[in-house]
Amino acid sequence: MKNQLFSIITLALLTLVACKQPNVVEESESPDYATFDRNVEVMRSFIKAHCDENLVAIQTILSDTLQYSPPDYNGNKWLGKEEFLTALKGYHDAFDNIKFTEGIALSDSIVNGFWSGSVFPKENANSGGTNIRCYGTWSATHTASGKEIGVKWFALVGVNSDGQIISFSDYFDVNGLAVQIAAQEEVEE
């Protein structure tokens, strides 16, 4: 009888424990919208200064310790502020009427061009607004030929608490610019 009573009690406890949901408390960060919004405005200031070909304004937006990864492959070497300013000056010298259209082009609309934080992958998920992803399309007129060009663009940008860009890694088809100019020149010949 003792064994039966022990078995019934054990079975009851196992059933009770198995059916009870674990009491998991997950801490979740609330998104840092204020930092994100501030950093989007930093990027919009950078974009406006680039469209205006204003290197003086751009210099004030960039941290002196800026880390820059250019769109063309360079062995994944990070460059500094001076190399970034040199690259921007090269674009200013080669193109006029530089314009930026913010957003991701979908089949029926253009959606938000600035994103931050993530939920995937779980081990790297964050809700911070310090590092932002920027999407859009650049267009300009090639100075030497007068040809119109355009390129889709994506950048990963880090902004510090002083509102300065501390990291800038952008992606676009650099060769595609030359191809567009060359193709348009061939059509005219």
N, C-alpha and C. Protein backbone atom coordinates (compact mmCIF):
# COMPACT_ATOMS: atom_id res chain seq x y z
N MET A 1 0.82 -1.19 0.00
CA MET A 1 0.00 0.00 0.00
C MET A 1 0.86 1.25 0.00
N LYS A 2 1.96 1.20 0.76
CA LYS A 2 2.88 2.33 0.79
C LYS A 2 3.43 2.62 -0.59
N ASN A 3 3.78 1.59 -1.33
CA ASN A 3 4.34 1.76 -2.68
C ASN A 3 3.30 2.37 -3.62
N GLN A 4 2.02 1.92 -3.48
CA GLN A 4 0.98 2.48 -4.33
C GLN A 4 0.76 3.96 -4.00
N LEU A 5 0.69 4.29 -2.72
CA LEU A 5 0.51 5.67 -2.31
C LEU A 5 1.68 6.54 -2.78
N PHE A 6 2.89 6.02 -2.63
CA PHE A 6 4.08 6.73 -3.09
C PHE A 6 4.03 6.94 -4.61
N SER A 7 3.60 5.93 -5.34
CA SER A 7 3.50 6.02 -6.80
C SER A 7 2.47 7.04 -7.22
N ILE A 8 1.32 7.07 -6.54
CA ILE A 8 0.26 8.02 -6.88
C ILE A 8 0.73 9.45 -6.60
N ILE A 9 1.36 9.65 -5.46
CA ILE A 9 1.86 10.99 -5.11
C ILE A 9 2.93 11.43 -6.11
N THR A 10 3.84 10.52 -6.44
CA THR A 10 4.90 10.84 -7.41
C THR A 10 4.29 11.18 -8.76
N LEU A 11 3.32 10.38 -9.21
CA LEU A 11 2.66 10.64 -10.49
C LEU A 11 1.94 11.98 -10.47
N ALA A 12 1.27 12.29 -9.38
CA ALA A 12 0.57 13.57 -9.26
C ALA A 12 1.54 14.74 -9.31
N LEU A 13 2.66 14.61 -8.59
CA LEU A 13 3.67 15.68 -8.62
C LEU A 13 4.28 15.85 -10.00
N LEU A 14 4.59 14.73 -10.66
CA LEU A 14 5.15 14.82 -12.02
C LEU A 14 4.16 15.48 -12.97
N THR A 15 2.89 15.11 -12.85
CA THR A 15 1.86 15.72 -13.71
C THR A 15 1.75 17.21 -13.44
N LEU A 16 1.75 17.57 -12.19
CA LEU A 16 1.66 18.98 -11.80
C LEU A 16 2.86 19.78 -12.31
N VAL A 17 4.05 19.22 -12.14
CA VAL A 17 5.27 19.90 -12.59
C VAL A 17 5.31 19.99 -14.11
N ALA A 18 4.92 18.92 -14.79
CA ALA A 18 4.96 18.89 -16.26
C ALA A 18 3.97 19.86 -16.87
N CYS A 19 2.84 20.08 -16.24
CA CYS A 19 1.82 20.96 -16.79
C CYS A 19 2.04 22.43 -16.45
N LYS A 20 2.83 22.68 -15.45
CA LYS A 20 3.06 24.06 -15.03
C LYS A 20 4.01 24.74 -16.02
N GLN A 21 3.63 25.90 -16.51
CA GLN A 21 4.46 26.66 -17.43
C GLN A 21 5.62 27.30 -16.66
N PRO A 22 6.79 27.29 -17.23
CA PRO A 22 7.91 27.93 -16.54
C PRO A 22 7.65 29.42 -16.38
N ASN A 23 8.13 29.96 -15.31
CA ASN A 23 7.96 31.37 -15.02
C ASN A 23 9.17 32.12 -15.57
N VAL A 24 9.14 32.39 -16.87
CA VAL A 24 10.27 33.04 -17.53
C VAL A 24 10.01 34.54 -17.59
N VAL A 25 10.94 35.28 -17.10
CA VAL A 25 10.84 36.73 -17.15
C VAL A 25 11.86 37.20 -18.17
N GLU A 26 11.36 37.76 -19.26
CA GLU A 26 12.27 38.27 -20.28
C GLU A 26 12.36 39.77 -20.15
N GLU A 27 13.59 40.23 -20.08
CA GLU A 27 13.79 41.67 -20.07
C GLU A 27 13.89 42.13 -21.52
N SER A 28 13.10 43.08 -21.88
CA SER A 28 13.20 43.60 -23.24
C SER A 28 13.48 45.10 -23.17
N GLU A 29 14.37 45.50 -24.02
CA GLU A 29 14.69 46.92 -24.09
C GLU A 29 13.62 47.61 -24.91
N SER A 30 13.26 48.78 -24.52
CA SER A 30 12.36 49.53 -25.38
C SER A 30 13.22 50.25 -26.40
N PRO A 31 12.71 50.35 -27.61
CA PRO A 31 13.50 51.00 -28.67
C PRO A 31 13.90 52.43 -28.31
N ASP A 32 15.09 52.81 -28.70
CA ASP A 32 15.62 54.14 -28.43
C ASP A 32 15.28 55.05 -29.62
N TYR A 33 14.02 55.46 -29.67
CA TYR A 33 13.56 56.27 -30.79
C TYR A 33 14.23 57.64 -30.84
N ALA A 34 14.51 58.23 -29.70
CA ALA A 34 15.11 59.57 -29.67
C ALA A 34 16.50 59.55 -30.32
N THR A 35 17.32 58.55 -29.97
CA THR A 35 18.65 58.44 -30.57
C THR A 35 18.54 58.16 -32.06
N PHE A 36 17.65 57.27 -32.43
CA PHE A 36 17.45 56.96 -33.85
C PHE A 36 17.06 58.22 -34.63
N ASP A 37 16.07 58.94 -34.15
CA ASP A 37 15.61 60.15 -34.84
C ASP A 37 16.73 61.18 -34.97
N ARG A 38 17.51 61.35 -33.89
CA ARG A 38 18.64 62.29 -33.92
C ARG A 38 19.65 61.85 -34.99
N ASN A 39 19.94 60.55 -35.06
CA ASN A 39 20.94 60.06 -36.00
C ASN A 39 20.45 60.12 -37.44
N VAL A 40 19.16 59.96 -37.66
CA VAL A 40 18.60 60.14 -39.00
C VAL A 40 18.81 61.59 -39.43
N GLU A 41 18.61 62.53 -38.52
CA GLU A 41 18.82 63.94 -38.85
C GLU A 41 20.29 64.23 -39.13
N VAL A 42 21.20 63.56 -38.42
CA VAL A 42 22.64 63.68 -38.73
C VAL A 42 22.89 63.22 -40.16
N MET A 43 22.31 62.07 -40.53
CA MET A 43 22.50 61.56 -41.89
C MET A 43 21.87 62.48 -42.93
N ARG A 44 20.72 63.00 -42.63
CA ARG A 44 20.08 63.93 -43.58
C ARG A 44 20.92 65.19 -43.75
N SER A 45 21.56 65.64 -42.67
CA SER A 45 22.47 66.80 -42.77
C SER A 45 23.68 66.45 -43.64
N PHE A 46 24.22 65.25 -43.44
CA PHE A 46 25.34 64.80 -44.26
C PHE A 46 24.92 64.75 -45.74
N ILE A 47 23.77 64.15 -46.01
CA ILE A 47 23.30 64.02 -47.40
C ILE A 47 23.08 65.40 -48.02
N LYS A 48 22.47 66.31 -47.28
CA LYS A 48 22.26 67.66 -47.82
C LYS A 48 23.59 68.34 -48.13
N ALA A 49 24.55 68.23 -47.21
CA ALA A 49 25.86 68.84 -47.44
C ALA A 49 26.56 68.21 -48.65
N HIS A 50 26.39 66.90 -48.83
CA HIS A 50 26.99 66.23 -49.99
C HIS A 50 26.31 66.71 -51.28
N CYS A 51 24.99 66.82 -51.27
CA CYS A 51 24.27 67.32 -52.45
C CYS A 51 24.68 68.76 -52.76
N ASP A 52 24.94 69.54 -51.72
CA ASP A 52 25.37 70.94 -51.89
C ASP A 52 26.86 71.05 -52.18
N GLU A 53 27.55 69.90 -52.19
CA GLU A 53 29.01 69.85 -52.40
C GLU A 53 29.73 70.73 -51.39
N ASN A 54 29.30 70.66 -50.13
CA ASN A 54 29.82 71.50 -49.06
C ASN A 54 30.72 70.67 -48.13
N LEU A 55 31.99 70.57 -48.49
CA LEU A 55 32.93 69.78 -47.69
C LEU A 55 33.17 70.38 -46.30
N VAL A 56 33.04 71.68 -46.16
CA VAL A 56 33.22 72.32 -44.85
C VAL A 56 32.13 71.82 -43.89
N ALA A 57 30.88 71.80 -44.34
CA ALA A 57 29.79 71.31 -43.50
C ALA A 57 29.97 69.82 -43.21
N ILE A 58 30.40 69.06 -44.19
CA ILE A 58 30.61 67.62 -44.00
C ILE A 58 31.68 67.38 -42.94
N GLN A 59 32.75 68.16 -42.97
CA GLN A 59 33.83 67.98 -41.99
C GLN A 59 33.33 68.10 -40.56
N THR A 60 32.38 68.99 -40.32
CA THR A 60 31.87 69.17 -38.96
C THR A 60 30.97 68.00 -38.52
N ILE A 61 30.40 67.29 -39.48
CA ILE A 61 29.51 66.16 -39.19
C ILE A 61 30.32 64.90 -38.91
N LEU A 62 31.54 64.84 -39.42
CA LEU A 62 32.38 63.64 -39.27
C LEU A 62 33.26 63.73 -38.04
N SER A 63 33.36 62.65 -37.31
CA SER A 63 34.29 62.56 -36.20
C SER A 63 35.72 62.52 -36.73
N ASP A 64 36.66 63.08 -35.99
CA ASP A 64 38.07 63.02 -36.40
C ASP A 64 38.58 61.59 -36.43
N THR A 65 37.93 60.70 -35.71
CA THR A 65 38.34 59.29 -35.66
C THR A 65 37.49 58.40 -36.57
N LEU A 66 36.83 59.02 -37.55
CA LEU A 66 35.96 58.29 -38.48
C LEU A 66 36.66 57.06 -39.05
N GLN A 67 35.93 55.96 -39.10
CA GLN A 67 36.36 54.74 -39.78
C GLN A 67 35.51 54.63 -41.04
N TYR A 68 36.16 54.52 -42.21
CA TYR A 68 35.46 54.54 -43.49
C TYR A 68 35.80 53.29 -44.29
N SER A 69 34.76 52.60 -44.75
CA SER A 69 34.93 51.45 -45.64
C SER A 69 34.28 51.83 -46.97
N PRO A 70 35.10 51.99 -48.02
CA PRO A 70 34.57 52.46 -49.30
C PRO A 70 33.75 51.39 -50.02
N PRO A 71 32.95 51.81 -51.02
CA PRO A 71 32.11 50.86 -51.75
C PRO A 71 32.91 49.92 -52.64
N ASP A 72 34.06 50.34 -53.10
CA ASP A 72 34.88 49.45 -53.92
C ASP A 72 35.73 48.57 -53.01
N TYR A 73 35.97 47.34 -53.44
CA TYR A 73 36.70 46.39 -52.59
C TYR A 73 38.15 46.81 -52.44
N ASN A 74 38.61 46.89 -51.20
CA ASN A 74 40.00 47.28 -50.92
C ASN A 74 40.65 46.32 -49.93
N GLY A 75 40.18 45.07 -49.92
CA GLY A 75 40.72 44.10 -48.97
C GLY A 75 40.13 44.28 -47.58
N ASN A 76 38.99 44.95 -47.52
CA ASN A 76 38.31 45.21 -46.24
C ASN A 76 39.15 46.03 -45.27
N LYS A 77 39.94 46.94 -45.79
CA LYS A 77 40.72 47.84 -44.95
C LYS A 77 39.88 49.07 -44.64
N TRP A 78 39.90 49.45 -43.36
CA TRP A 78 39.20 50.66 -42.95
C TRP A 78 40.11 51.87 -43.18
N LEU A 79 39.53 52.92 -43.69
CA LEU A 79 40.24 54.16 -43.96
C LEU A 79 39.77 55.21 -42.96
N GLY A 80 40.35 56.40 -43.04
CA GLY A 80 40.02 57.46 -42.10
C GLY A 80 39.25 58.62 -42.72
N LYS A 81 39.12 59.66 -41.95
CA LYS A 81 38.36 60.86 -42.33
C LYS A 81 38.93 61.51 -43.59
N GLU A 82 40.25 61.65 -43.67
CA GLU A 82 40.85 62.32 -44.83
C GLU A 82 40.56 61.57 -46.13
N GLU A 83 40.64 60.23 -46.08
CA GLU A 83 40.36 59.44 -47.28
C GLU A 83 38.88 59.57 -47.68
N PHE A 84 38.01 59.65 -46.69
CA PHE A 84 36.59 59.82 -46.97
C PHE A 84 36.33 61.17 -47.63
N LEU A 85 36.93 62.22 -47.07
CA LEU A 85 36.76 63.56 -47.65
C LEU A 85 37.33 63.63 -49.06
N THR A 86 38.44 62.94 -49.30
CA THR A 86 39.03 62.89 -50.64
C THR A 86 38.08 62.21 -51.62
N ALA A 87 37.46 61.11 -51.18
CA ALA A 87 36.49 60.42 -52.05
C ALA A 87 35.30 61.32 -52.36
N LEU A 88 34.79 62.00 -51.34
CA LEU A 88 33.65 62.90 -51.56
C LEU A 88 34.02 64.04 -52.51
N LYS A 89 35.21 64.61 -52.35
CA LYS A 89 35.67 65.67 -53.26
C LYS A 89 35.74 65.15 -54.69
N GLY A 90 36.18 63.89 -54.84
CA GLY A 90 36.21 63.28 -56.18
C GLY A 90 34.83 63.24 -56.82
N TYR A 91 33.81 62.90 -56.02
CA TYR A 91 32.44 62.91 -56.55
C TYR A 91 32.00 64.33 -56.87
N HIS A 92 32.35 65.29 -56.03
CA HIS A 92 31.98 66.68 -56.27
C HIS A 92 32.63 67.20 -57.55
N ASP A 93 33.87 66.80 -57.80
CA ASP A 93 34.56 67.23 -59.01
C ASP A 93 33.98 66.57 -60.27
N ALA A 94 33.52 65.33 -60.13
CA ALA A 94 33.07 64.56 -61.30
C ALA A 94 31.59 64.73 -61.61
N PHE A 95 30.80 65.22 -60.64
CA PHE A 95 29.35 65.27 -60.85
C PHE A 95 28.76 66.60 -60.38
N ASP A 96 27.72 67.02 -61.07
CA ASP A 96 26.93 68.19 -60.70
C ASP A 96 25.50 67.72 -60.42
N ASN A 97 24.71 68.62 -59.84
CA ASN A 97 23.29 68.33 -59.57
C ASN A 97 23.11 67.02 -58.80
N ILE A 98 23.94 66.82 -57.80
CA ILE A 98 23.86 65.59 -56.99
C ILE A 98 22.56 65.63 -56.19
N LYS A 99 21.78 64.56 -56.32
CA LYS A 99 20.50 64.47 -55.62
C LYS A 99 20.37 63.09 -54.97
N PHE A 100 19.63 63.05 -53.87
CA PHE A 100 19.39 61.80 -53.17
C PHE A 100 17.90 61.60 -52.98
N THR A 101 17.40 60.42 -53.37
CA THR A 101 16.02 60.05 -53.12
C THR A 101 16.04 59.01 -52.01
N GLU A 102 15.51 59.39 -50.88
CA GLU A 102 15.51 58.54 -49.69
C GLU A 102 14.48 57.42 -49.83
N GLY A 103 14.85 56.20 -49.47
CA GLY A 103 13.90 55.12 -49.39
C GLY A 103 14.25 53.91 -50.24
N ILE A 104 13.53 52.84 -49.97
CA ILE A 104 13.68 51.58 -50.68
C ILE A 104 12.56 51.50 -51.71
N ALA A 105 12.91 51.31 -52.97
CA ALA A 105 11.92 51.23 -54.03
C ALA A 105 11.30 49.84 -54.07
N LEU A 106 10.00 49.77 -53.80
CA LEU A 106 9.24 48.54 -53.94
C LEU A 106 8.47 48.60 -55.25
N SER A 107 7.79 47.55 -55.59
CA SER A 107 7.09 47.52 -56.88
C SER A 107 6.01 48.59 -56.99
N ASP A 108 5.43 49.00 -55.86
CA ASP A 108 4.33 49.96 -55.93
C ASP A 108 4.54 51.23 -55.10
N SER A 109 5.71 51.36 -54.46
CA SER A 109 5.94 52.54 -53.63
C SER A 109 7.40 52.63 -53.22
N ILE A 110 7.71 53.71 -52.55
CA ILE A 110 9.03 53.87 -51.93
C ILE A 110 8.80 53.95 -50.43
N VAL A 111 9.51 53.08 -49.69
CA VAL A 111 9.33 53.04 -48.24
C VAL A 111 10.55 53.59 -47.54
N ASN A 112 10.41 53.77 -46.26
CA ASN A 112 11.41 54.35 -45.37
C ASN A 112 12.86 54.04 -45.78
N GLY A 113 13.71 55.05 -45.70
CA GLY A 113 15.11 54.88 -46.06
C GLY A 113 16.05 54.70 -44.88
N PHE A 114 15.54 54.80 -43.66
CA PHE A 114 16.41 54.69 -42.48
C PHE A 114 15.86 53.63 -41.52
N TRP A 115 16.77 52.76 -41.08
CA TRP A 115 16.40 51.66 -40.19
C TRP A 115 17.47 51.50 -39.13
N SER A 116 17.09 50.92 -38.00
CA SER A 116 18.06 50.63 -36.95
C SER A 116 17.53 49.52 -36.07
N GLY A 117 18.43 48.88 -35.34
CA GLY A 117 18.04 47.79 -34.47
C GLY A 117 17.69 46.55 -35.26
N SER A 118 17.47 45.46 -34.55
CA SER A 118 17.12 44.20 -35.20
C SER A 118 16.58 43.23 -34.17
N VAL A 119 15.92 42.23 -34.64
CA VAL A 119 15.49 41.14 -33.76
C VAL A 119 16.17 39.83 -34.16
N PHE A 120 16.82 39.81 -35.30
CA PHE A 120 17.51 38.62 -35.77
C PHE A 120 18.95 38.95 -36.12
N PRO A 121 19.89 38.07 -35.92
CA PRO A 121 19.77 36.84 -35.15
C PRO A 121 19.67 37.16 -33.66
N LYS A 122 19.07 36.25 -32.92
CA LYS A 122 18.76 36.49 -31.52
C LYS A 122 19.98 36.90 -30.71
N GLU A 123 21.13 36.25 -30.95
CA GLU A 123 22.32 36.55 -30.15
C GLU A 123 22.88 37.95 -30.42
N ASN A 124 22.47 38.60 -31.51
CA ASN A 124 22.94 39.95 -31.81
C ASN A 124 21.80 40.97 -31.83
N ALA A 125 20.61 40.58 -31.43
CA ALA A 125 19.46 41.47 -31.49
C ALA A 125 19.69 42.69 -30.60
N ASN A 126 19.18 43.84 -31.06
CA ASN A 126 19.30 45.06 -30.26
C ASN A 126 18.18 46.02 -30.63
N SER A 127 17.94 46.97 -29.76
CA SER A 127 16.92 47.97 -30.04
C SER A 127 17.51 49.38 -30.02
N GLY A 128 18.82 49.45 -30.15
CA GLY A 128 19.50 50.74 -30.12
C GLY A 128 19.35 51.50 -31.42
N GLY A 129 19.59 52.79 -31.34
CA GLY A 129 19.48 53.63 -32.52
C GLY A 129 20.82 54.24 -32.92
N THR A 130 21.93 53.72 -32.37
CA THR A 130 23.25 54.30 -32.63
C THR A 130 23.72 54.01 -34.04
N ASN A 131 23.57 52.77 -34.47
CA ASN A 131 23.97 52.38 -35.83
C ASN A 131 22.73 52.30 -36.69
N ILE A 132 22.77 53.02 -37.81
CA ILE A 132 21.60 53.04 -38.68
C ILE A 132 21.96 52.53 -40.06
N ARG A 133 20.94 52.00 -40.73
CA ARG A 133 21.06 51.54 -42.10
C ARG A 133 20.32 52.55 -42.97
N CYS A 134 20.98 52.97 -44.04
CA CYS A 134 20.43 54.00 -44.92
C CYS A 134 20.27 53.43 -46.33
N TYR A 135 19.10 53.67 -46.93
CA TYR A 135 18.81 53.18 -48.27
C TYR A 135 18.32 54.34 -49.12
N GLY A 136 18.69 54.32 -50.38
CA GLY A 136 18.18 55.34 -51.29
C GLY A 136 18.81 55.24 -52.66
N THR A 137 18.58 56.26 -53.46
CA THR A 137 19.10 56.33 -54.83
C THR A 137 19.76 57.69 -55.04
N TRP A 138 21.00 57.65 -55.50
CA TRP A 138 21.72 58.87 -55.87
C TRP A 138 21.56 59.09 -57.36
N SER A 139 21.42 60.33 -57.76
CA SER A 139 21.44 60.70 -59.18
C SER A 139 22.28 61.96 -59.31
N ALA A 140 22.83 62.17 -60.49
CA ALA A 140 23.68 63.34 -60.72
C ALA A 140 23.90 63.50 -62.22
N THR A 141 24.56 64.58 -62.56
CA THR A 141 24.97 64.82 -63.93
C THR A 141 26.49 64.71 -63.99
N HIS A 142 26.98 63.86 -64.87
CA HIS A 142 28.42 63.72 -65.04
C HIS A 142 28.96 65.02 -65.63
N THR A 143 29.88 65.66 -64.92
CA THR A 143 30.36 66.99 -65.28
C THR A 143 30.98 67.03 -66.69
N ALA A 144 31.85 66.10 -67.00
CA ALA A 144 32.58 66.13 -68.28
C ALA A 144 31.68 65.86 -69.48
N SER A 145 30.71 64.95 -69.33
CA SER A 145 29.89 64.56 -70.49
C SER A 145 28.48 65.15 -70.47
N GLY A 146 28.05 65.62 -69.30
CA GLY A 146 26.68 66.12 -69.19
C GLY A 146 25.64 65.01 -69.09
N LYS A 147 26.08 63.77 -68.95
CA LYS A 147 25.18 62.62 -68.89
C LYS A 147 24.57 62.46 -67.50
N GLU A 148 23.30 62.04 -67.47
CA GLU A 148 22.61 61.75 -66.22
C GLU A 148 22.94 60.32 -65.79
N ILE A 149 23.25 60.15 -64.51
CA ILE A 149 23.54 58.83 -63.96
C ILE A 149 22.69 58.61 -62.71
N GLY A 150 22.59 57.36 -62.29
CA GLY A 150 21.89 57.03 -61.06
C GLY A 150 22.41 55.73 -60.50
N VAL A 151 22.31 55.58 -59.19
CA VAL A 151 22.80 54.37 -58.54
C VAL A 151 22.03 54.13 -57.24
N LYS A 152 21.61 52.87 -57.04
CA LYS A 152 21.01 52.50 -55.76
C LYS A 152 22.12 52.46 -54.72
N TRP A 153 21.79 52.81 -53.47
CA TRP A 153 22.81 52.98 -52.45
C TRP A 153 22.33 52.44 -51.11
N PHE A 154 23.27 51.87 -50.36
CA PHE A 154 23.03 51.37 -49.01
C PHE A 154 24.25 51.72 -48.17
N ALA A 155 24.03 52.16 -46.93
CA ALA A 155 25.15 52.46 -46.04
C ALA A 155 24.83 52.02 -44.62
N LEU A 156 25.87 51.60 -43.92
CA LEU A 156 25.81 51.34 -42.48
C LEU A 156 26.58 52.47 -41.82
N VAL A 157 25.92 53.20 -40.93
CA VAL A 157 26.51 54.40 -40.37
C VAL A 157 26.39 54.39 -38.85
N GLY A 158 27.50 54.66 -38.18
CA GLY A 158 27.51 54.79 -36.73
C GLY A 158 27.63 56.25 -36.35
N VAL A 159 26.86 56.67 -35.36
CA VAL A 159 26.87 58.06 -34.91
C VAL A 159 27.13 58.05 -33.40
N ASN A 160 28.04 58.91 -32.95
CA ASN A 160 28.35 58.96 -31.52
C ASN A 160 27.38 59.87 -30.77
N SER A 161 27.55 59.96 -29.46
CA SER A 161 26.64 60.75 -28.63
C SER A 161 26.77 62.26 -28.88
N ASP A 162 27.86 62.67 -29.56
CA ASP A 162 28.03 64.08 -29.93
C ASP A 162 27.35 64.42 -31.26
N GLY A 163 26.71 63.43 -31.87
CA GLY A 163 26.03 63.66 -33.15
C GLY A 163 26.98 63.69 -34.33
N GLN A 164 28.12 63.03 -34.22
CA GLN A 164 29.08 62.96 -35.32
C GLN A 164 29.15 61.53 -35.85
N ILE A 165 29.36 61.42 -37.15
CA ILE A 165 29.48 60.11 -37.79
C ILE A 165 30.85 59.54 -37.42
N ILE A 166 30.84 58.33 -36.84
CA ILE A 166 32.09 57.68 -36.42
C ILE A 166 32.46 56.50 -37.30
N SER A 167 31.48 55.95 -38.03
CA SER A 167 31.76 54.87 -38.97
C SER A 167 30.84 55.01 -40.16
N PHE A 168 31.38 54.68 -41.33
CA PHE A 168 30.61 54.84 -42.57
C PHE A 168 31.07 53.77 -43.54
N SER A 169 30.18 52.86 -43.85
CA SER A 169 30.47 51.80 -44.81
C SER A 169 29.35 51.80 -45.83
N ASP A 170 29.68 52.17 -47.08
CA ASP A 170 28.61 52.24 -48.07
C ASP A 170 28.82 51.24 -49.20
N TYR A 171 27.71 50.91 -49.83
CA TYR A 171 27.67 49.88 -50.86
C TYR A 171 26.89 50.40 -52.07
N PHE A 172 27.51 50.39 -53.21
CA PHE A 172 26.83 50.66 -54.47
C PHE A 172 27.73 50.19 -55.60
N ASP A 173 27.18 50.12 -56.79
CA ASP A 173 27.91 49.62 -57.95
C ASP A 173 28.77 50.75 -58.52
N VAL A 174 30.00 50.83 -58.03
CA VAL A 174 30.92 51.89 -58.46
C VAL A 174 31.15 51.80 -59.97
N ASN A 175 31.41 50.60 -60.46
CA ASN A 175 31.65 50.41 -61.89
C ASN A 175 30.41 50.76 -62.72
N GLY A 176 29.24 50.60 -62.11
CA GLY A 176 28.00 50.92 -62.82
C GLY A 176 27.94 52.38 -63.25
N LEU A 177 28.56 53.27 -62.49
CA LEU A 177 28.60 54.68 -62.88
C LEU A 177 29.37 54.85 -64.19
N ALA A 178 30.55 54.24 -64.25
CA ALA A 178 31.37 54.32 -65.47
C ALA A 178 30.66 53.67 -66.65
N VAL A 179 29.99 52.55 -66.40
CA VAL A 179 29.26 51.86 -67.47
C VAL A 179 28.14 52.75 -68.01
N GLN A 180 27.42 53.42 -67.11
CA GLN A 180 26.33 54.30 -67.55
C GLN A 180 26.87 55.44 -68.41
N ILE A 181 27.96 56.04 -67.99
CA ILE A 181 28.54 57.15 -68.74
C ILE A 181 29.05 56.66 -70.10
N ALA A 182 29.77 55.54 -70.11
CA ALA A 182 30.30 54.99 -71.37
C ALA A 182 29.18 54.59 -72.31
N ALA A 183 28.14 53.96 -71.81
CA ALA A 183 27.01 53.52 -72.66
C ALA A 183 26.31 54.71 -73.26
N GLN A 184 26.14 55.75 -72.51
CA GLN A 184 25.45 56.93 -73.03
C GLN A 184 26.32 57.64 -74.06
N GLU A 185 27.65 57.62 -73.85
CA GLU A 185 28.54 58.25 -74.82
C GLU A 185 28.53 57.48 -76.13
N GLU A 186 28.44 56.15 -76.11
CA GLU A 186 28.41 55.34 -77.33
C GLU A 186 27.16 55.61 -78.13
N VAL A 187 26.01 55.83 -77.47
CA VAL A 187 24.76 56.09 -78.14
C VAL A 187 24.84 57.38 -78.94
N GLU A 188 25.56 58.37 -78.42
CA GLU A 188 25.63 59.66 -79.08
C GLU A 188 26.59 59.67 -80.27
N GLU A 189 27.54 58.76 -80.30
CA GLU A 189 28.55 58.77 -81.38
C GLU A 189 27.98 58.37 -82.70
